[in-house]
Amino acid sequence: QRTLLRNDAAIVGLPLVDSSDLASAA
C-alpha cells in the first residue's frame, strides 16, 4: 500500500505514512 501511494496509485481513504519523507517532520 505504501509503495502504491508513493506512486500516486488509486487507493481511497488511506493516507500515506512515509517516514522517509522529510516533509512529515516539517
PDB file of all heavy atoms in Angstrom:
ATOM      1  N   GLN A   1       0.826  -1.205   0.000  1.00  0.00           N
ATOM      2  CA  GLN A   1       0.000   0.000   0.000  1.00  0.00           C
ATOM      3  C   GLN A   1       0.864   1.260   0.000  1.00  0.00           C
ATOM      4  O   GLN A   1       0.575   2.217  -0.727  1.00  0.00           O
ATOM      5  CB  GLN A   1      -0.934  -0.011   1.206  1.00  0.00           C
ATOM      6  CG  GLN A   1      -2.021  -1.079   1.119  1.00  0.00           C
ATOM      7  CD  GLN A   1      -2.780  -1.254   2.419  1.00  0.00           C
ATOM      8  OE1 GLN A   1      -2.221  -1.066   3.513  1.00  0.00           O
ATOM      9  NE2 GLN A   1      -4.049  -1.614   2.333  1.00  0.00           N
ATOM     10  N   ARG A   2       1.925   1.263   0.795  1.00  0.00           N
ATOM     11  CA  ARG A   2       2.811   2.438   0.825  1.00  0.00           C
ATOM     12  C   ARG A   2       3.468   2.666  -0.531  1.00  0.00           C
ATOM     13  O   ARG A   2       3.582   3.815  -0.993  1.00  0.00           O
ATOM     14  CB  ARG A   2       3.872   2.276   1.918  1.00  0.00           C
ATOM     15  CG  ARG A   2       3.339   2.487   3.333  1.00  0.00           C
ATOM     16  CD  ARG A   2       4.467   2.518   4.347  1.00  0.00           C
ATOM     17  NE  ARG A   2       5.137   1.230   4.482  1.00  0.00           N
ATOM     18  CZ  ARG A   2       4.741   0.256   5.281  1.00  0.00           C
ATOM     19  NH1 ARG A   2       3.652   0.415   6.019  1.00  0.00           N
ATOM     20  NH2 ARG A   2       5.424  -0.872   5.366  1.00  0.00           N
ATOM     21  N   THR A   3       3.888   1.586  -1.166  1.00  0.00           N
ATOM     22  CA  THR A   3       4.528   1.728  -2.471  1.00  0.00           C
ATOM     23  C   THR A   3       3.542   2.267  -3.500  1.00  0.00           C
ATOM     24  O   THR A   3       3.881   3.145  -4.308  1.00  0.00           O
ATOM     25  CB  THR A   3       5.092   0.373  -2.928  1.00  0.00           C
ATOM     26  OG1 THR A   3       5.981  -0.133  -1.926  1.00  0.00           O
ATOM     27  CG2 THR A   3       5.838   0.503  -4.240  1.00  0.00           C
ATOM     28  N   LEU A   4       2.331   1.755  -3.475  1.00  0.00           N
ATOM     29  CA  LEU A   4       1.311   2.254  -4.398  1.00  0.00           C
ATOM     30  C   LEU A   4       1.026   3.731  -4.154  1.00  0.00           C
ATOM     31  O   LEU A   4       0.948   4.531  -5.099  1.00  0.00           O
ATOM     32  CB  LEU A   4       0.029   1.433  -4.242  1.00  0.00           C
ATOM     33  CG  LEU A   4       0.068   0.015  -4.828  1.00  0.00           C
ATOM     34  CD1 LEU A   4      -1.093  -0.816  -4.300  1.00  0.00           C
ATOM     35  CD2 LEU A   4       0.041   0.062  -6.354  1.00  0.00           C
ATOM     36  N   LEU A   5       0.894   4.109  -2.891  1.00  0.00           N
ATOM     37  CA  LEU A   5       0.592   5.508  -2.583  1.00  0.00           C
ATOM     38  C   LEU A   5       1.754   6.423  -2.932  1.00  0.00           C
ATOM     39  O   LEU A   5       1.546   7.553  -3.387  1.00  0.00           O
ATOM     40  CB  LEU A   5       0.211   5.647  -1.112  1.00  0.00           C
ATOM     41  CG  LEU A   5      -1.156   5.059  -0.723  1.00  0.00           C
ATOM     42  CD1 LEU A   5      -1.311   4.992   0.795  1.00  0.00           C
ATOM     43  CD2 LEU A   5      -2.292   5.874  -1.336  1.00  0.00           C
ATOM     44  N   ARG A   6       2.982   5.965  -2.715  1.00  0.00           N
ATOM     45  CA  ARG A   6       4.131   6.785  -3.122  1.00  0.00           C
ATOM     46  C   ARG A   6       4.071   7.098  -4.613  1.00  0.00           C
ATOM     47  O   ARG A   6       4.536   8.140  -5.058  1.00  0.00           O
ATOM     48  CB  ARG A   6       5.444   6.056  -2.811  1.00  0.00           C
ATOM     49  CG  ARG A   6       5.842   6.040  -1.350  1.00  0.00           C
ATOM     50  CD  ARG A   6       7.267   5.522  -1.189  1.00  0.00           C
ATOM     51  NE  ARG A   6       7.534   5.141   0.189  1.00  0.00           N
ATOM     52  CZ  ARG A   6       7.613   3.895   0.627  1.00  0.00           C
ATOM     53  NH1 ARG A   6       7.448   2.886  -0.236  1.00  0.00           N
ATOM     54  NH2 ARG A   6       7.855   3.629   1.893  1.00  0.00           N
ATOM     55  N   ASN A   7       3.510   6.169  -5.359  1.00  0.00           N
ATOM     56  CA  ASN A   7       3.435   6.332  -6.811  1.00  0.00           C
ATOM     57  C   ASN A   7       2.075   6.846  -7.270  1.00  0.00           C
ATOM     58  O   ASN A   7       1.753   6.750  -8.458  1.00  0.00           O
ATOM     59  CB  ASN A   7       3.783   5.005  -7.495  1.00  0.00           C
ATOM     60  CG  ASN A   7       5.252   4.658  -7.337  1.00  0.00           C
ATOM     61  OD1 ASN A   7       6.114   5.265  -7.950  1.00  0.00           O
ATOM     62  ND2 ASN A   7       5.544   3.689  -6.473  1.00  0.00           N
ATOM     63  N   ASP A   8       1.300   7.390  -6.311  1.00  0.00           N
ATOM     64  CA  ASP A   8       0.045   8.078  -6.634  1.00  0.00           C
ATOM     65  C   ASP A   8      -1.013   7.142  -7.193  1.00  0.00           C
ATOM     66  O   ASP A   8      -1.855   7.543  -8.002  1.00  0.00           O
ATOM     67  CB  ASP A   8       0.305   9.231  -7.610  1.00  0.00           C
ATOM     68  CG  ASP A   8      -0.848  10.220  -7.675  1.00  0.00           C
ATOM     69  OD1 ASP A   8      -1.564  10.360  -6.673  1.00  0.00           O
ATOM     70  OD2 ASP A   8      -1.034  10.844  -8.738  1.00  0.00           O
ATOM     71  N   ALA A   9      -0.989   5.881  -6.779  1.00  0.00           N
ATOM     72  CA  ALA A   9      -1.956   4.914  -7.290  1.00  0.00           C
ATOM     73  C   ALA A   9      -3.344   5.159  -6.706  1.00  0.00           C
ATOM     74  O   ALA A   9      -3.528   5.945  -5.778  1.00  0.00           O
ATOM     75  CB  ALA A   9      -1.487   3.496  -6.978  1.00  0.00           C
ATOM     76  N   ALA A  10      -4.315   4.460  -7.289  1.00  0.00           N
ATOM     77  CA  ALA A  10      -5.721   4.709  -6.977  1.00  0.00           C
ATOM     78  C   ALA A  10      -6.176   3.899  -5.768  1.00  0.00           C
ATOM     79  O   ALA A  10      -6.761   2.823  -5.893  1.00  0.00           O
ATOM     80  CB  ALA A  10      -6.581   4.394  -8.198  1.00  0.00           C
ATOM     81  N   ILE A  11      -5.899   4.412  -4.588  1.00  0.00           N
ATOM     82  CA  ILE A  11      -6.421   3.871  -3.332  1.00  0.00           C
ATOM     83  C   ILE A  11      -7.156   5.007  -2.637  1.00  0.00           C
ATOM     84  O   ILE A  11      -6.676   6.139  -2.616  1.00  0.00           O
ATOM     85  CB  ILE A  11      -5.299   3.340  -2.417  1.00  0.00           C
ATOM     86  CG1 ILE A  11      -4.478   2.266  -3.131  1.00  0.00           C
ATOM     87  CG2 ILE A  11      -5.879   2.775  -1.124  1.00  0.00           C
ATOM     88  CD1 ILE A  11      -3.305   1.750  -2.315  1.00  0.00           C
ATOM     89  N   VAL A  12      -8.299   4.710  -2.074  1.00  0.00           N
ATOM     90  CA  VAL A  12      -9.091   5.780  -1.466  1.00  0.00           C
ATOM     91  C   VAL A  12      -9.197   5.566   0.044  1.00  0.00           C
ATOM     92  O   VAL A  12      -9.285   4.438   0.530  1.00  0.00           O
ATOM     93  CB  VAL A  12     -10.495   5.859  -2.107  1.00  0.00           C
ATOM     94  CG1 VAL A  12     -11.340   4.642  -1.764  1.00  0.00           C
ATOM     95  CG2 VAL A  12     -11.219   7.135  -1.704  1.00  0.00           C
ATOM     96  N   GLY A  13      -9.136   6.673   0.776  1.00  0.00           N
ATOM     97  CA  GLY A  13      -9.352   6.641   2.217  1.00  0.00           C
ATOM     98  C   GLY A  13      -8.183   6.151   3.030  1.00  0.00           C
ATOM     99  O   GLY A  13      -8.321   5.893   4.228  1.00  0.00           O
ATOM    100  N   LEU A  14      -7.019   6.023   2.401  1.00  0.00           N
ATOM    101  CA  LEU A  14      -5.840   5.515   3.092  1.00  0.00           C
ATOM    102  C   LEU A  14      -4.711   6.520   2.911  1.00  0.00           C
ATOM    103  O   LEU A  14      -4.237   6.731   1.793  1.00  0.00           O
ATOM    104  CB  LEU A  14      -5.432   4.155   2.521  1.00  0.00           C
ATOM    105  CG  LEU A  14      -4.383   3.363   3.296  1.00  0.00           C
ATOM    106  CD1 LEU A  14      -4.948   2.897   4.630  1.00  0.00           C
ATOM    107  CD2 LEU A  14      -3.926   2.161   2.478  1.00  0.00           C
ATOM    108  N   PRO A  15      -4.251   7.173   3.979  1.00  0.00           N
ATOM    109  CA  PRO A  15      -3.165   8.140   3.832  1.00  0.00           C
ATOM    110  C   PRO A  15      -1.816   7.439   3.758  1.00  0.00           C
ATOM    111  O   PRO A  15      -1.623   6.352   4.305  1.00  0.00           O
ATOM    112  CB  PRO A  15      -3.268   8.976   5.109  1.00  0.00           C
ATOM    113  CG  PRO A  15      -3.848   8.037   6.125  1.00  0.00           C
ATOM    114  CD  PRO A  15      -4.775   7.125   5.364  1.00  0.00           C
ATOM    115  N   LEU A  16      -0.892   8.068   3.075  1.00  0.00           N
ATOM    116  CA  LEU A  16       0.483   7.579   3.034  1.00  0.00           C
ATOM    117  C   LEU A  16       1.204   8.010   4.299  1.00  0.00           C
ATOM    118  O   LEU A  16       1.292   9.198   4.598  1.00  0.00           O
ATOM    119  CB  LEU A  16       1.201   8.136   1.801  1.00  0.00           C
ATOM    120  CG  LEU A  16       2.709   7.862   1.728  1.00  0.00           C
ATOM    121  CD1 LEU A  16       2.997   6.365   1.680  1.00  0.00           C
ATOM    122  CD2 LEU A  16       3.326   8.576   0.536  1.00  0.00           C
ATOM    123  N   VAL A  17       1.719   7.042   5.026  1.00  0.00           N
ATOM    124  CA  VAL A  17       2.576   7.312   6.184  1.00  0.00           C
ATOM    125  C   VAL A  17       3.980   6.874   5.776  1.00  0.00           C
ATOM    126  O   VAL A  17       4.278   5.685   5.696  1.00  0.00           O
ATOM    127  CB  VAL A  17       2.091   6.556   7.431  1.00  0.00           C
ATOM    128  CG1 VAL A  17       3.019   6.845   8.608  1.00  0.00           C
ATOM    129  CG2 VAL A  17       0.657   6.941   7.768  1.00  0.00           C
ATOM    130  N   ASP A  18       4.821   7.858   5.490  1.00  0.00           N
ATOM    131  CA  ASP A  18       6.121   7.591   4.893  1.00  0.00           C
ATOM    132  C   ASP A  18       7.202   8.257   5.751  1.00  0.00           C
ATOM    133  O   ASP A  18       7.431   9.464   5.662  1.00  0.00           O
ATOM    134  CB  ASP A  18       6.140   8.139   3.464  1.00  0.00           C
ATOM    135  CG  ASP A  18       7.412   7.783   2.707  1.00  0.00           C
ATOM    136  OD1 ASP A  18       8.302   7.155   3.311  1.00  0.00           O
ATOM    137  OD2 ASP A  18       7.502   8.136   1.522  1.00  0.00           O
ATOM    138  N   SER A  19       7.872   7.474   6.570  1.00  0.00           N
ATOM    139  CA  SER A  19       8.880   8.023   7.480  1.00  0.00           C
ATOM    140  C   SER A  19      10.084   8.585   6.731  1.00  0.00           C
ATOM    141  O   SER A  19      10.829   9.407   7.275  1.00  0.00           O
ATOM    142  CB  SER A  19       9.345   6.945   8.465  1.00  0.00           C
ATOM    143  OG  SER A  19       9.889   5.838   7.764  1.00  0.00           O
ATOM    144  N   SER A  20      10.280   8.171   5.498  1.00  0.00           N
ATOM    145  CA  SER A  20      11.416   8.685   4.734  1.00  0.00           C
ATOM    146  C   SER A  20      11.132  10.042   4.092  1.00  0.00           C
ATOM    147  O   SER A  20      12.052  10.692   3.591  1.00  0.00           O
ATOM    148  CB  SER A  20      11.819   7.683   3.648  1.00  0.00           C
ATOM    149  OG  SER A  20      10.760   7.488   2.735  1.00  0.00           O
ATOM    150  N   ASP A  21       9.867  10.463   4.120  1.00  0.00           N
ATOM    151  CA  ASP A  21       9.506  11.766   3.554  1.00  0.00           C
ATOM    152  C   ASP A  21       9.832  12.850   4.579  1.00  0.00           C
ATOM    153  O   ASP A  21       9.213  12.926   5.645  1.00  0.00           O
ATOM    154  CB  ASP A  21       8.016  11.780   3.207  1.00  0.00           C
ATOM    155  CG  ASP A  21       7.560  13.112   2.627  1.00  0.00           C
ATOM    156  OD1 ASP A  21       8.415  13.977   2.353  1.00  0.00           O
ATOM    157  OD2 ASP A  21       6.332  13.276   2.459  1.00  0.00           O
ATOM    158  N   LEU A  22      10.789  13.708   4.259  1.00  0.00           N
ATOM    159  CA  LEU A  22      11.220  14.754   5.187  1.00  0.00           C
ATOM    160  C   LEU A  22      10.104  15.752   5.471  1.00  0.00           C
ATOM    161  O   LEU A  22      10.113  16.426   6.513  1.00  0.00           O
ATOM    162  CB  LEU A  22      12.444  15.481   4.624  1.00  0.00           C
ATOM    163  CG  LEU A  22      13.685  14.611   4.397  1.00  0.00           C
ATOM    164  CD1 LEU A  22      14.759  15.401   3.651  1.00  0.00           C
ATOM    165  CD2 LEU A  22      14.229  14.092   5.718  1.00  0.00           C
ATOM    166  N   ALA A  23       9.118  15.851   4.570  1.00  0.00           N
ATOM    167  CA  ALA A  23       8.016  16.792   4.783  1.00  0.00           C
ATOM    168  C   ALA A  23       7.196  16.441   6.015  1.00  0.00           C
ATOM    169  O   ALA A  23       6.566  17.316   6.621  1.00  0.00           O
ATOM    170  CB  ALA A  23       7.112  16.824   3.552  1.00  0.00           C
ATOM    171  N   SER A  24       7.212  15.161   6.412  1.00  0.00           N
ATOM    172  CA  SER A  24       6.416  14.743   7.567  1.00  0.00           C
ATOM    173  C   SER A  24       6.931  15.351   8.866  1.00  0.00           C
ATOM    174  O   SER A  24       6.196  15.407   9.860  1.00  0.00           O
ATOM    175  CB  SER A  24       6.407  13.212   7.672  1.00  0.00           C
ATOM    176  OG  SER A  24       7.726  12.720   7.877  1.00  0.00           O
ATOM    177  N   ALA A  25       8.187  15.830   8.888  1.00  0.00           N
ATOM    178  CA  ALA A  25       8.764  16.442  10.092  1.00  0.00           C
ATOM    179  C   ALA A  25       8.881  17.955   9.964  1.00  0.00           C
ATOM    180  O   ALA A  25       9.494  18.601  10.816  1.00  0.00           O
ATOM    181  CB  ALA A  25      10.141  15.840  10.370  1.00  0.00           C
ATOM    182  N   ALA A  26       8.281  18.511   8.915  1.00  0.00           N
ATOM    183  CA  ALA A  26       8.418  19.943   8.660  1.00  0.00           C
ATOM    184  C   ALA A  26       7.192  20.713   9.136  1.00  0.00           C
ATOM    185  O   ALA A  26       6.100  20.163   9.284  1.00  0.00           O
ATOM    186  CB  ALA A  26       8.627  20.191   7.168  1.00  0.00           C
TER     187      ALA A  26
END
